[in-house]
Amino acid sequence: MSLLWSAVTRDNIVLAECGEDHRGGAVLSLARKILSKKPSPGWEYERAGALKAAKFHIHSLGPGRRETVWAVCCVYENTFSELQARGFLEKLAFLTEPLRATPAWQTGGTLAAQDSFAPTLLQRMEQASSMGRTAMITSKVDEVKELMRENIELLLDRGDKLDALDEKASTLSKMSQAFHRKARDAKRFQMWQQAKFGVAVGTAVTVGVALVVVPPLVAVL
């Protein structure tokens, strides 16, 4: 799972921990490293190769106003985001708040809460890892949805362009048809004009010939 190890501590005393190390000791090595970091007002981080670790400190005042520093920490794979790791530890901090007031947690030694709290810790780790995978799957689904949306937009845009081309082609076709009609009309008009001119010329020639030829014939007659 994405979360490999987690623990709850009081003044650097590990009260409960849970996890396994199938990385040749790398998980436990990073766990010891994050545990050894000095307490701060907030977050601490460590990293080793593909593994990351985070720790959150909780400062409180105990009996006699003695300061106690609690911490929740975890080691996780780099596929598990820092935001998810912080969310897990924040929930763990709220979950342990009432327990931190109990005698076993206030004064107990190393692994004093192991039997009572380790099963809960394991359950929370599994839930967080499952949510992490779900978040990753959701992210992938969102990416696929975005890709599909872009594809649809491209197809629609292409469709609009095709429609525009069809419309332009249709317009050009109509213009071409109109042009051909006008060309035919113009040609028809020209032919009619030529025909009329031919008729007029023919008539004029006929009349001219008649005027020239007929009178002598009449005279002869």
N, C-alpha and C. Protein backbone atom coordinates (compact mmCIF):
# COMPACT_ATOMS: atom_id res chain seq x y z
N MET A 1 0.84 -1.19 0.00
CA MET A 1 0.00 0.00 0.00
C MET A 1 0.87 1.24 0.00
N SER A 2 0.29 2.40 -0.28
CA SER A 2 1.05 3.64 -0.42
C SER A 2 1.66 4.09 0.89
N LEU A 3 0.91 3.96 1.99
CA LEU A 3 1.44 4.26 3.32
C LEU A 3 2.16 3.02 3.84
N LEU A 4 3.43 3.15 4.16
CA LEU A 4 4.24 1.98 4.52
C LEU A 4 4.46 1.83 6.02
N TRP A 5 4.41 2.95 6.74
CA TRP A 5 4.67 2.90 8.19
C TRP A 5 4.12 4.17 8.82
N SER A 6 3.64 4.04 10.05
CA SER A 6 3.19 5.21 10.79
C SER A 6 3.34 4.95 12.29
N ALA A 7 3.38 6.03 13.05
CA ALA A 7 3.58 5.89 14.49
C ALA A 7 3.05 7.11 15.22
N VAL A 8 2.81 6.92 16.52
CA VAL A 8 2.43 8.01 17.42
C VAL A 8 3.47 8.03 18.54
N THR A 9 4.00 9.21 18.83
CA THR A 9 5.05 9.31 19.86
C THR A 9 4.71 10.37 20.90
N ARG A 10 5.34 10.22 22.06
CA ARG A 10 5.27 11.23 23.12
C ARG A 10 6.70 11.49 23.59
N ASP A 11 7.17 12.71 23.36
CA ASP A 11 8.55 13.06 23.74
C ASP A 11 9.55 12.03 23.22
N ASN A 12 9.42 11.69 21.95
CA ASN A 12 10.31 10.75 21.26
C ASN A 12 10.16 9.30 21.71
N ILE A 13 9.14 9.02 22.52
CA ILE A 13 8.85 7.63 22.91
C ILE A 13 7.74 7.11 21.99
N VAL A 14 8.02 6.06 21.27
CA VAL A 14 7.03 5.50 20.35
C VAL A 14 5.99 4.72 21.16
N LEU A 15 4.76 5.24 21.16
CA LEU A 15 3.68 4.59 21.91
C LEU A 15 3.01 3.49 21.09
N ALA A 16 2.91 3.69 19.79
CA ALA A 16 2.31 2.68 18.90
C ALA A 16 2.83 2.92 17.49
N GLU A 17 3.05 1.84 16.78
CA GLU A 17 3.50 1.95 15.39
C GLU A 17 2.92 0.80 14.58
N CYS A 18 2.92 0.98 13.28
CA CYS A 18 2.37 -0.06 12.40
C CYS A 18 3.02 0.06 11.03
N GLY A 19 3.31 -1.08 10.43
CA GLY A 19 3.88 -1.06 9.09
C GLY A 19 4.80 -2.23 8.85
N GLU A 20 5.26 -2.35 7.62
CA GLU A 20 6.18 -3.41 7.22
C GLU A 20 7.27 -2.82 6.35
N ASP A 21 8.39 -3.50 6.34
CA ASP A 21 9.52 -3.03 5.53
C ASP A 21 9.91 -4.12 4.54
N HIS A 22 9.47 -3.93 3.29
CA HIS A 22 9.85 -4.85 2.22
C HIS A 22 10.83 -4.17 1.27
N ARG A 23 11.51 -3.17 1.78
CA ARG A 23 12.45 -2.40 0.95
C ARG A 23 13.88 -2.54 1.45
N GLY A 24 14.20 -3.68 2.02
CA GLY A 24 15.56 -3.92 2.47
C GLY A 24 16.01 -3.03 3.61
N GLY A 25 15.07 -2.64 4.47
CA GLY A 25 15.40 -1.79 5.61
C GLY A 25 15.26 -0.31 5.34
N ALA A 26 14.93 0.07 4.10
CA ALA A 26 14.84 1.49 3.74
C ALA A 26 13.71 2.20 4.47
N VAL A 27 12.59 1.49 4.68
CA VAL A 27 11.44 2.11 5.35
C VAL A 27 11.77 2.43 6.80
N LEU A 28 12.31 1.44 7.53
CA LEU A 28 12.64 1.65 8.94
C LEU A 28 13.78 2.66 9.11
N SER A 29 14.70 2.67 8.16
CA SER A 29 15.79 3.64 8.22
C SER A 29 15.26 5.07 8.11
N LEU A 30 14.32 5.27 7.17
CA LEU A 30 13.72 6.59 7.01
C LEU A 30 12.83 6.93 8.21
N ALA A 31 12.17 5.90 8.78
CA ALA A 31 11.33 6.12 9.96
C ALA A 31 12.18 6.61 11.13
N ARG A 32 13.32 5.99 11.35
CA ARG A 32 14.21 6.42 12.44
C ARG A 32 14.71 7.84 12.19
N LYS A 33 14.95 8.15 10.93
CA LYS A 33 15.46 9.47 10.59
C LYS A 33 14.43 10.56 10.87
N ILE A 34 13.16 10.29 10.51
CA ILE A 34 12.13 11.30 10.76
C ILE A 34 11.83 11.42 12.25
N LEU A 35 11.95 10.30 12.99
CA LEU A 35 11.72 10.34 14.43
C LEU A 35 12.80 11.13 15.16
N SER A 36 14.00 11.11 14.63
CA SER A 36 15.12 11.78 15.30
C SER A 36 15.15 13.29 15.09
N LYS A 37 14.33 13.78 14.20
CA LYS A 37 14.33 15.23 13.94
C LYS A 37 13.77 15.97 15.16
N LYS A 38 14.38 17.10 15.47
CA LYS A 38 13.96 17.88 16.63
C LYS A 38 12.54 18.41 16.45
N PRO A 39 11.80 18.49 17.54
CA PRO A 39 10.42 19.00 17.45
C PRO A 39 10.39 20.44 16.93
N SER A 40 9.38 20.72 16.15
CA SER A 40 9.19 22.06 15.60
C SER A 40 7.73 22.45 15.83
N PRO A 41 7.36 23.69 15.55
CA PRO A 41 5.96 24.09 15.74
C PRO A 41 4.99 23.41 14.78
N GLY A 42 5.50 22.78 13.75
CA GLY A 42 4.59 22.19 12.77
C GLY A 42 5.11 20.94 12.12
N TRP A 43 5.40 21.04 10.83
CA TRP A 43 5.73 19.87 10.01
C TRP A 43 7.22 19.67 9.83
N GLU A 44 7.60 18.39 9.71
CA GLU A 44 8.96 18.01 9.36
C GLU A 44 8.88 16.98 8.23
N TYR A 45 9.87 17.02 7.35
CA TYR A 45 9.87 16.12 6.20
C TYR A 45 11.26 15.51 6.00
N GLU A 46 11.26 14.31 5.44
CA GLU A 46 12.49 13.63 5.05
C GLU A 46 12.22 12.85 3.76
N ARG A 47 13.31 12.52 3.08
CA ARG A 47 13.15 11.75 1.84
C ARG A 47 14.37 10.87 1.62
N ALA A 48 14.13 9.69 1.06
CA ALA A 48 15.22 8.77 0.72
C ALA A 48 14.81 8.00 -0.53
N GLY A 49 15.35 8.40 -1.65
CA GLY A 49 15.00 7.74 -2.91
C GLY A 49 13.54 7.92 -3.25
N ALA A 50 12.85 6.78 -3.44
CA ALA A 50 11.43 6.83 -3.80
C ALA A 50 10.51 6.89 -2.58
N LEU A 51 11.10 7.00 -1.39
CA LEU A 51 10.32 7.04 -0.16
C LEU A 51 10.34 8.45 0.44
N LYS A 52 9.24 8.80 1.08
CA LYS A 52 9.12 10.09 1.75
C LYS A 52 8.61 9.87 3.17
N ALA A 53 8.88 10.83 4.04
CA ALA A 53 8.40 10.76 5.42
C ALA A 53 7.92 12.13 5.86
N ALA A 54 6.92 12.13 6.73
CA ALA A 54 6.38 13.39 7.26
C ALA A 54 6.08 13.20 8.74
N LYS A 55 6.19 14.31 9.49
CA LYS A 55 5.90 14.26 10.94
C LYS A 55 5.23 15.57 11.34
N PHE A 56 4.20 15.42 12.17
CA PHE A 56 3.46 16.59 12.66
C PHE A 56 3.53 16.61 14.18
N HIS A 57 3.94 17.75 14.73
CA HIS A 57 4.10 17.88 16.18
C HIS A 57 2.89 18.54 16.82
N ILE A 58 2.56 18.07 18.02
CA ILE A 58 1.46 18.64 18.80
C ILE A 58 2.01 18.99 20.18
N HIS A 59 2.07 20.25 20.49
CA HIS A 59 2.61 20.70 21.77
C HIS A 59 1.47 20.90 22.76
N SER A 60 1.64 20.37 23.96
CA SER A 60 0.60 20.52 24.99
C SER A 60 1.25 20.69 26.36
N LEU A 61 0.48 21.23 27.30
CA LEU A 61 0.96 21.41 28.67
C LEU A 61 0.31 20.37 29.56
N GLY A 62 1.15 19.60 30.26
CA GLY A 62 0.64 18.57 31.16
C GLY A 62 0.59 19.07 32.59
N PRO A 63 0.52 18.15 33.55
CA PRO A 63 0.50 18.52 34.97
C PRO A 63 1.73 19.36 35.33
N GLY A 64 1.50 20.39 36.14
CA GLY A 64 2.60 21.28 36.53
C GLY A 64 3.09 22.12 35.37
N ARG A 65 2.23 22.28 34.37
CA ARG A 65 2.55 23.06 33.17
C ARG A 65 3.81 22.55 32.47
N ARG A 66 4.00 21.27 32.59
CA ARG A 66 5.12 20.65 31.89
C ARG A 66 4.74 20.44 30.43
N GLU A 67 5.61 20.86 29.54
CA GLU A 67 5.32 20.74 28.11
C GLU A 67 5.57 19.32 27.63
N THR A 68 4.60 18.80 26.90
CA THR A 68 4.72 17.49 26.27
C THR A 68 4.61 17.67 24.77
N VAL A 69 5.50 17.02 24.06
CA VAL A 69 5.48 17.11 22.59
C VAL A 69 5.05 15.76 22.03
N TRP A 70 3.87 15.75 21.46
CA TRP A 70 3.35 14.57 20.78
C TRP A 70 3.67 14.68 19.29
N ALA A 71 3.73 13.55 18.64
CA ALA A 71 3.98 13.57 17.20
C ALA A 71 3.29 12.40 16.53
N VAL A 72 2.80 12.66 15.34
CA VAL A 72 2.28 11.60 14.47
C VAL A 72 3.13 11.64 13.21
N CYS A 73 3.56 10.49 12.75
CA CYS A 73 4.47 10.48 11.60
C CYS A 73 4.19 9.28 10.71
N CYS A 74 4.69 9.36 9.49
CA CYS A 74 4.47 8.26 8.55
C CYS A 74 5.56 8.25 7.49
N VAL A 75 5.73 7.08 6.89
CA VAL A 75 6.61 6.90 5.73
C VAL A 75 5.71 6.42 4.59
N TYR A 76 5.91 6.98 3.41
CA TYR A 76 5.02 6.65 2.30
C TYR A 76 5.78 6.67 0.98
N GLU A 77 5.19 6.03 -0.01
CA GLU A 77 5.77 6.01 -1.35
C GLU A 77 5.57 7.36 -2.02
N ASN A 78 6.43 7.68 -2.97
CA ASN A 78 6.30 8.98 -3.63
C ASN A 78 5.08 9.07 -4.54
N THR A 79 4.40 7.92 -4.77
CA THR A 79 3.15 7.97 -5.53
C THR A 79 2.00 8.48 -4.67
N PHE A 80 2.21 8.48 -3.36
CA PHE A 80 1.24 9.00 -2.40
C PHE A 80 1.61 10.46 -2.15
N SER A 81 0.72 11.38 -2.49
CA SER A 81 1.09 12.79 -2.46
C SER A 81 1.32 13.31 -1.04
N GLU A 82 2.09 14.37 -0.95
CA GLU A 82 2.35 15.00 0.34
C GLU A 82 1.06 15.51 0.97
N LEU A 83 0.16 16.01 0.14
CA LEU A 83 -1.12 16.50 0.64
C LEU A 83 -1.93 15.38 1.28
N GLN A 84 -1.90 14.20 0.68
CA GLN A 84 -2.61 13.05 1.24
C GLN A 84 -1.96 12.58 2.54
N ALA A 85 -0.63 12.62 2.59
CA ALA A 85 0.08 12.23 3.81
C ALA A 85 -0.24 13.19 4.95
N ARG A 86 -0.28 14.46 4.65
CA ARG A 86 -0.61 15.45 5.67
C ARG A 86 -2.05 15.28 6.15
N GLY A 87 -2.94 14.98 5.21
CA GLY A 87 -4.33 14.74 5.59
C GLY A 87 -4.46 13.55 6.53
N PHE A 88 -3.71 12.48 6.24
CA PHE A 88 -3.73 11.29 7.09
C PHE A 88 -3.24 11.63 8.50
N LEU A 89 -2.13 12.36 8.60
CA LEU A 89 -1.57 12.69 9.92
C LEU A 89 -2.46 13.66 10.69
N GLU A 90 -3.10 14.58 10.00
CA GLU A 90 -4.01 15.51 10.67
C GLU A 90 -5.19 14.75 11.27
N LYS A 91 -5.74 13.79 10.52
CA LYS A 91 -6.83 12.97 11.05
C LYS A 91 -6.35 12.14 12.24
N LEU A 92 -5.13 11.66 12.14
CA LEU A 92 -4.55 10.86 13.23
C LEU A 92 -4.38 11.72 14.49
N ALA A 93 -4.00 12.97 14.31
CA ALA A 93 -3.84 13.88 15.44
C ALA A 93 -5.18 14.10 16.15
N PHE A 94 -6.25 14.30 15.38
CA PHE A 94 -7.58 14.48 15.99
C PHE A 94 -8.07 13.19 16.64
N LEU A 95 -7.76 12.05 16.01
CA LEU A 95 -8.20 10.77 16.54
C LEU A 95 -7.56 10.46 17.89
N THR A 96 -6.31 10.85 18.06
CA THR A 96 -5.59 10.53 19.30
C THR A 96 -5.79 11.58 20.40
N GLU A 97 -6.48 12.64 20.09
CA GLU A 97 -6.63 13.73 21.08
C GLU A 97 -7.20 13.25 22.41
N PRO A 98 -8.31 12.51 22.45
CA PRO A 98 -8.82 12.06 23.75
C PRO A 98 -7.91 11.02 24.43
N LEU A 99 -7.18 10.25 23.62
CA LEU A 99 -6.30 9.23 24.18
C LEU A 99 -5.08 9.83 24.86
N ARG A 100 -4.67 10.99 24.39
CA ARG A 100 -3.48 11.63 24.96
C ARG A 100 -3.69 12.08 26.41
N ALA A 101 -4.92 12.09 26.85
CA ALA A 101 -5.21 12.48 28.23
C ALA A 101 -5.27 11.28 29.18
N THR A 102 -5.15 10.07 28.64
CA THR A 102 -5.23 8.87 29.48
C THR A 102 -3.88 8.57 30.12
N PRO A 103 -3.88 7.91 31.29
CA PRO A 103 -2.62 7.59 32.00
C PRO A 103 -1.64 6.78 31.15
N ALA A 104 -2.17 5.80 30.40
CA ALA A 104 -1.29 4.95 29.60
C ALA A 104 -0.52 5.77 28.57
N TRP A 105 -1.17 6.76 28.02
CA TRP A 105 -0.51 7.60 27.02
C TRP A 105 0.34 8.69 27.68
N GLN A 106 -0.09 9.13 28.84
CA GLN A 106 0.64 10.20 29.53
C GLN A 106 1.97 9.71 30.12
N THR A 107 1.97 8.50 30.63
CA THR A 107 3.17 8.03 31.35
C THR A 107 3.73 6.71 30.83
N GLY A 108 3.05 6.09 29.88
CA GLY A 108 3.50 4.78 29.40
C GLY A 108 4.82 4.84 28.67
N GLY A 109 5.51 3.69 28.67
CA GLY A 109 6.80 3.60 28.00
C GLY A 109 6.66 3.21 26.55
N THR A 110 7.75 2.73 25.97
CA THR A 110 7.77 2.36 24.55
C THR A 110 6.72 1.29 24.24
N LEU A 111 5.93 1.56 23.21
CA LEU A 111 4.86 0.69 22.72
C LEU A 111 3.79 0.42 23.78
N ALA A 112 3.59 1.39 24.69
CA ALA A 112 2.58 1.24 25.74
C ALA A 112 1.17 1.13 25.16
N ALA A 113 0.93 1.73 23.99
CA ALA A 113 -0.41 1.70 23.38
C ALA A 113 -0.45 0.79 22.14
N GLN A 114 0.56 -0.06 22.02
CA GLN A 114 0.65 -0.90 20.81
C GLN A 114 -0.56 -1.83 20.67
N ASP A 115 -0.88 -2.55 21.72
CA ASP A 115 -1.98 -3.52 21.63
C ASP A 115 -3.33 -2.85 21.41
N SER A 116 -3.53 -1.70 22.03
CA SER A 116 -4.83 -1.05 21.95
C SER A 116 -4.99 -0.17 20.70
N PHE A 117 -3.89 0.40 20.22
CA PHE A 117 -4.03 1.39 19.15
C PHE A 117 -3.48 0.93 17.79
N ALA A 118 -2.58 -0.03 17.77
CA ALA A 118 -1.99 -0.47 16.50
C ALA A 118 -3.03 -0.97 15.49
N PRO A 119 -4.06 -1.74 15.92
CA PRO A 119 -5.08 -2.17 14.95
C PRO A 119 -5.81 -0.98 14.32
N THR A 120 -6.10 0.04 15.14
CA THR A 120 -6.75 1.24 14.61
C THR A 120 -5.82 1.96 13.64
N LEU A 121 -4.55 2.00 13.99
CA LEU A 121 -3.55 2.64 13.13
C LEU A 121 -3.47 1.94 11.77
N LEU A 122 -3.47 0.61 11.80
CA LEU A 122 -3.43 -0.16 10.56
C LEU A 122 -4.67 0.11 9.70
N GLN A 123 -5.83 0.13 10.35
CA GLN A 123 -7.07 0.39 9.63
C GLN A 123 -7.05 1.76 8.96
N ARG A 124 -6.57 2.75 9.69
CA ARG A 124 -6.50 4.11 9.14
C ARG A 124 -5.50 4.19 7.99
N MET A 125 -4.41 3.47 8.10
CA MET A 125 -3.42 3.45 7.02
C MET A 125 -4.02 2.83 5.75
N GLU A 126 -4.74 1.73 5.92
CA GLU A 126 -5.35 1.07 4.77
C GLU A 126 -6.40 1.97 4.13
N GLN A 127 -7.18 2.65 4.96
CA GLN A 127 -8.19 3.57 4.43
C GLN A 127 -7.54 4.71 3.66
N ALA A 128 -6.48 5.28 4.24
CA ALA A 128 -5.80 6.39 3.58
C ALA A 128 -5.17 5.95 2.26
N SER A 129 -4.57 4.75 2.25
CA SER A 129 -3.97 4.24 1.03
C SER A 129 -5.03 3.99 -0.03
N SER A 130 -6.17 3.44 0.39
CA SER A 130 -7.26 3.19 -0.54
C SER A 130 -7.79 4.49 -1.11
N MET A 131 -7.94 5.49 -0.23
CA MET A 131 -8.40 6.80 -0.70
C MET A 131 -7.38 7.42 -1.63
N GLY A 132 -6.11 7.17 -1.34
CA GLY A 132 -5.06 7.69 -2.21
C GLY A 132 -5.15 7.10 -3.60
N ARG A 133 -5.36 5.77 -3.68
CA ARG A 133 -5.50 5.13 -4.98
C ARG A 133 -6.75 5.62 -5.69
N THR A 134 -7.85 5.79 -4.92
CA THR A 134 -9.09 6.30 -5.51
C THR A 134 -8.88 7.69 -6.06
N ALA A 135 -8.15 8.52 -5.29
CA ALA A 135 -7.88 9.88 -5.75
C ALA A 135 -7.08 9.86 -7.05
N MET A 136 -6.10 8.92 -7.12
CA MET A 136 -5.30 8.80 -8.33
C MET A 136 -6.15 8.35 -9.50
N ILE A 137 -7.04 7.36 -9.24
CA ILE A 137 -7.92 6.87 -10.29
C ILE A 137 -8.84 7.98 -10.75
N THR A 138 -9.39 8.74 -9.76
CA THR A 138 -10.27 9.86 -10.10
C THR A 138 -9.54 10.88 -10.94
N SER A 139 -8.26 11.12 -10.57
CA SER A 139 -7.45 12.06 -11.34
C SER A 139 -7.30 11.57 -12.77
N LYS A 140 -7.03 10.25 -12.93
CA LYS A 140 -6.88 9.69 -14.27
C LYS A 140 -8.18 9.79 -15.04
N VAL A 141 -9.31 9.50 -14.34
CA VAL A 141 -10.61 9.60 -14.99
C VAL A 141 -10.86 11.03 -15.44
N ASP A 142 -10.50 12.00 -14.57
CA ASP A 142 -10.67 13.41 -14.93
C ASP A 142 -9.83 13.76 -16.14
N GLU A 143 -8.59 13.21 -16.19
CA GLU A 143 -7.73 13.47 -17.34
C GLU A 143 -8.35 12.89 -18.61
N VAL A 144 -8.91 11.66 -18.48
CA VAL A 144 -9.55 11.03 -19.63
C VAL A 144 -10.77 11.84 -20.05
N LYS A 145 -11.55 12.31 -19.05
CA LYS A 145 -12.72 13.13 -19.37
C LYS A 145 -12.31 14.40 -20.09
N GLU A 146 -11.22 15.01 -19.62
CA GLU A 146 -10.74 16.23 -20.25
C GLU A 146 -10.30 15.95 -21.69
N LEU A 147 -9.61 14.81 -21.86
CA LEU A 147 -9.18 14.42 -23.21
C LEU A 147 -10.39 14.18 -24.10
N MET A 148 -11.40 13.50 -23.54
CA MET A 148 -12.61 13.25 -24.31
C MET A 148 -13.31 14.56 -24.66
N ARG A 149 -13.33 15.48 -23.69
CA ARG A 149 -13.95 16.78 -23.95
C ARG A 149 -13.23 17.50 -25.08
N GLU A 150 -11.89 17.46 -25.03
CA GLU A 150 -11.12 18.10 -26.09
C GLU A 150 -11.38 17.42 -27.44
N ASN A 151 -11.47 16.08 -27.41
CA ASN A 151 -11.76 15.35 -28.65
C ASN A 151 -13.11 15.76 -29.22
N ILE A 152 -14.11 15.85 -28.30
CA ILE A 152 -15.46 16.22 -28.74
C ILE A 152 -15.45 17.63 -29.33
N GLU A 153 -14.73 18.53 -28.63
CA GLU A 153 -14.66 19.91 -29.12
C GLU A 153 -14.00 19.96 -30.50
N LEU A 154 -12.94 19.15 -30.66
CA LEU A 154 -12.26 19.12 -31.95
C LEU A 154 -13.18 18.57 -33.04
N LEU A 155 -13.92 17.51 -32.67
CA LEU A 155 -14.84 16.93 -33.64
C LEU A 155 -15.95 17.90 -34.00
N LEU A 156 -16.47 18.58 -32.96
CA LEU A 156 -17.51 19.58 -33.22
C LEU A 156 -16.97 20.71 -34.07
N ASP A 157 -15.75 21.14 -33.75
CA ASP A 157 -15.13 22.21 -34.52
C ASP A 157 -14.91 21.76 -35.96
N ARG A 158 -14.46 20.50 -36.10
CA ARG A 158 -14.28 19.96 -37.44
C ARG A 158 -15.62 19.88 -38.16
N GLY A 159 -16.66 19.49 -37.40
CA GLY A 159 -17.99 19.42 -37.98
C GLY A 159 -18.47 20.78 -38.44
N ASP A 160 -18.19 21.80 -37.60
CA ASP A 160 -18.57 23.16 -37.98
C ASP A 160 -17.84 23.58 -39.26
N LYS A 161 -16.55 23.21 -39.32
CA LYS A 161 -15.78 23.56 -40.51
C LYS A 161 -16.30 22.82 -41.73
N LEU A 162 -16.66 21.53 -41.52
CA LEU A 162 -17.22 20.76 -42.63
C LEU A 162 -18.55 21.35 -43.07
N ASP A 163 -19.36 21.73 -42.06
CA ASP A 163 -20.64 22.37 -42.39
C ASP A 163 -20.41 23.66 -43.14
N ALA A 164 -19.39 24.41 -42.68
CA ALA A 164 -19.08 25.67 -43.35
C ALA A 164 -18.62 25.42 -44.78
N LEU A 165 -17.79 24.36 -44.94
CA LEU A 165 -17.34 24.02 -46.28
C LEU A 165 -18.50 23.57 -47.15
N ASP A 166 -19.39 22.76 -46.54
CA ASP A 166 -20.57 22.32 -47.29
C ASP A 166 -21.42 23.52 -47.69
N GLU A 167 -21.55 24.46 -46.72
CA GLU A 167 -22.35 25.65 -47.01
C GLU A 167 -21.71 26.48 -48.11
N LYS A 168 -20.35 26.62 -48.00
CA LYS A 168 -19.64 27.36 -49.03
C LYS A 168 -19.76 26.66 -50.38
N ALA A 169 -19.63 25.33 -50.35
CA ALA A 169 -19.74 24.56 -51.59
C ALA A 169 -21.14 24.72 -52.17
N SER A 170 -22.14 24.67 -51.27
CA SER A 170 -23.51 24.84 -51.73
C SER A 170 -23.72 26.23 -52.32
N THR A 171 -23.14 27.23 -51.62
CA THR A 171 -23.26 28.61 -52.11
C THR A 171 -22.57 28.76 -53.46
N LEU A 172 -21.35 28.17 -53.54
CA LEU A 172 -20.62 28.24 -54.81
C LEU A 172 -21.39 27.51 -55.91
N SER A 173 -22.00 26.38 -55.53
CA SER A 173 -22.79 25.63 -56.51
C SER A 173 -23.96 26.46 -57.01
N LYS A 174 -24.63 27.12 -56.04
CA LYS A 174 -25.76 27.97 -56.41
C LYS A 174 -25.29 29.14 -57.27
N MET A 175 -24.13 29.72 -56.88
CA MET A 175 -23.59 30.82 -57.66
C MET A 175 -23.21 30.35 -59.05
N SER A 176 -22.64 29.13 -59.09
CA SER A 176 -22.25 28.57 -60.39
C SER A 176 -23.48 28.34 -61.26
N GLN A 177 -24.52 27.79 -60.62
CA GLN A 177 -25.75 27.56 -61.37
C GLN A 177 -26.33 28.88 -61.87
N ALA A 178 -26.31 29.89 -60.98
CA ALA A 178 -26.82 31.20 -61.38
C ALA A 178 -25.98 31.78 -62.51
N PHE A 179 -24.64 31.58 -62.38
CA PHE A 179 -23.74 32.08 -63.42
C PHE A 179 -24.04 31.40 -64.76
N HIS A 180 -24.21 30.06 -64.68
CA HIS A 180 -24.51 29.32 -65.91
C HIS A 180 -25.85 29.77 -66.50
N ARG A 181 -26.82 30.00 -65.59
CA ARG A 181 -28.11 30.48 -66.08
C ARG A 181 -27.96 31.83 -66.77
N LYS A 182 -27.19 32.72 -66.09
CA LYS A 182 -26.99 34.04 -66.68
C LYS A 182 -26.19 33.94 -67.98
N ALA A 183 -25.20 33.02 -67.96
CA ALA A 183 -24.41 32.84 -69.18
C ALA A 183 -25.28 32.32 -70.31
N ARG A 184 -26.15 31.35 -69.96
CA ARG A 184 -27.06 30.83 -70.98
C ARG A 184 -28.01 31.92 -71.46
N ASP A 185 -28.51 32.71 -70.49
CA ASP A 185 -29.41 33.80 -70.87
C ASP A 185 -28.69 34.81 -71.76
N ALA A 186 -27.42 35.12 -71.36
CA ALA A 186 -26.65 36.08 -72.17
C ALA A 186 -26.38 35.52 -73.56
N LYS A 187 -26.03 34.22 -73.59
CA LYS A 187 -25.76 33.59 -74.88
C LYS A 187 -27.03 33.53 -75.73
N ARG A 188 -28.14 33.21 -75.02
CA ARG A 188 -29.42 33.16 -75.72
C ARG A 188 -29.76 34.53 -76.29
N PHE A 189 -29.53 35.57 -75.42
CA PHE A 189 -29.81 36.94 -75.87
C PHE A 189 -28.92 37.31 -77.05
N GLN A 190 -27.62 36.91 -76.94
CA GLN A 190 -26.69 37.21 -78.03
C GLN A 190 -27.10 36.50 -79.31
N MET A 191 -27.51 35.23 -79.15
CA MET A 191 -27.93 34.47 -80.32
C MET A 191 -29.18 35.09 -80.94
N TRP A 192 -30.08 35.52 -80.02
CA TRP A 192 -31.29 36.18 -80.52
C TRP A 192 -30.92 37.47 -81.25
N GLN A 193 -29.99 38.20 -80.69
CA GLN A 193 -29.56 39.44 -81.34
C GLN A 193 -28.94 39.15 -82.70
N GLN A 194 -28.08 38.08 -82.69
CA GLN A 194 -27.46 37.70 -83.96
C GLN A 194 -28.51 37.24 -84.96
N ALA A 195 -29.47 36.47 -84.42
CA ALA A 195 -30.53 35.98 -85.31
C ALA A 195 -31.35 37.14 -85.86
N LYS A 196 -31.68 38.08 -84.95
CA LYS A 196 -32.45 39.25 -85.39
C LYS A 196 -31.66 40.05 -86.42
N PHE A 197 -30.35 40.20 -86.15
CA PHE A 197 -29.51 40.95 -87.08
C PHE A 197 -29.45 40.25 -88.43
N GLY A 198 -29.34 38.89 -88.36
CA GLY A 198 -29.30 38.12 -89.60
C GLY A 198 -30.59 38.26 -90.38
N VAL A 199 -31.70 38.21 -89.66
CA VAL A 199 -33.01 38.37 -90.32
C VAL A 199 -33.12 39.75 -90.93
N ALA A 200 -32.67 40.75 -90.14
CA ALA A 200 -32.76 42.12 -90.64
C ALA A 200 -31.90 42.31 -91.87
N VAL A 201 -30.67 41.77 -91.82
CA VAL A 201 -29.76 41.89 -92.97
C VAL A 201 -30.35 41.15 -94.18
N GLY A 202 -30.85 39.94 -93.90
CA GLY A 202 -31.43 39.15 -94.99
C GLY A 202 -32.61 39.87 -95.61
N THR A 203 -33.42 40.45 -94.79
CA THR A 203 -34.59 41.17 -95.28
C THR A 203 -34.16 42.38 -96.10
N ALA A 204 -33.15 43.08 -95.57
CA ALA A 204 -32.66 44.27 -96.28
C ALA A 204 -32.09 43.88 -97.63
N VAL A 205 -31.33 42.80 -97.68
CA VAL A 205 -30.75 42.34 -98.94
C VAL A 205 -31.84 41.96 -99.91
N THR A 206 -32.82 41.24 -99.37
CA THR A 206 -33.93 40.80 -100.22
C THR A 206 -34.66 41.99 -100.80
N VAL A 207 -34.93 42.96 -99.94
CA VAL A 207 -35.63 44.17 -100.39
C VAL A 207 -34.78 44.92 -101.40
N GLY A 208 -33.47 45.00 -101.13
CA GLY A 208 -32.57 45.70 -102.04
C GLY A 208 -32.55 45.04 -103.41
N VAL A 209 -32.45 43.73 -103.38
CA VAL A 209 -32.43 42.99 -104.64
C VAL A 209 -33.74 43.19 -105.38
N ALA A 210 -34.79 43.16 -104.59
CA ALA A 210 -36.11 43.34 -105.21
C ALA A 210 -36.22 44.70 -105.86
N LEU A 211 -35.68 45.70 -105.15
CA LEU A 211 -35.74 47.05 -105.70
C LEU A 211 -34.90 47.19 -106.96
N VAL A 212 -33.78 46.47 -106.96
CA VAL A 212 -32.88 46.59 -108.11
C VAL A 212 -33.35 45.72 -109.29
N VAL A 213 -33.78 44.51 -108.97
CA VAL A 213 -34.09 43.54 -110.02
C VAL A 213 -35.52 43.69 -110.57
N VAL A 214 -36.43 43.89 -109.65
CA VAL A 214 -37.84 43.89 -110.06
C VAL A 214 -38.18 45.01 -111.06
N PRO A 215 -37.74 46.24 -110.81
CA PRO A 215 -38.13 47.30 -111.76
C PRO A 215 -37.78 46.99 -113.22
N PRO A 216 -36.55 46.55 -113.51
CA PRO A 216 -36.26 46.23 -114.92
C PRO A 216 -37.19 45.17 -115.48
N LEU A 217 -37.46 44.24 -114.64
CA LEU A 217 -38.37 43.18 -115.09
C LEU A 217 -39.74 43.77 -115.41
N VAL A 218 -40.14 44.64 -114.58
CA VAL A 218 -41.44 45.29 -114.80
C VAL A 218 -41.37 46.12 -116.08
N ALA A 219 -40.21 46.78 -116.19
CA ALA A 219 -40.04 47.61 -117.36
C ALA A 219 -40.02 46.75 -118.61
N VAL A 220 -39.35 45.60 -118.45
CA VAL A 220 -39.28 44.68 -119.58
C VAL A 220 -40.66 44.19 -119.92
N LEU A 221 -41.39 43.88 -118.82
CA LEU A 221 -42.74 43.41 -119.05
C LEU A 221 -43.59 44.52 -119.65
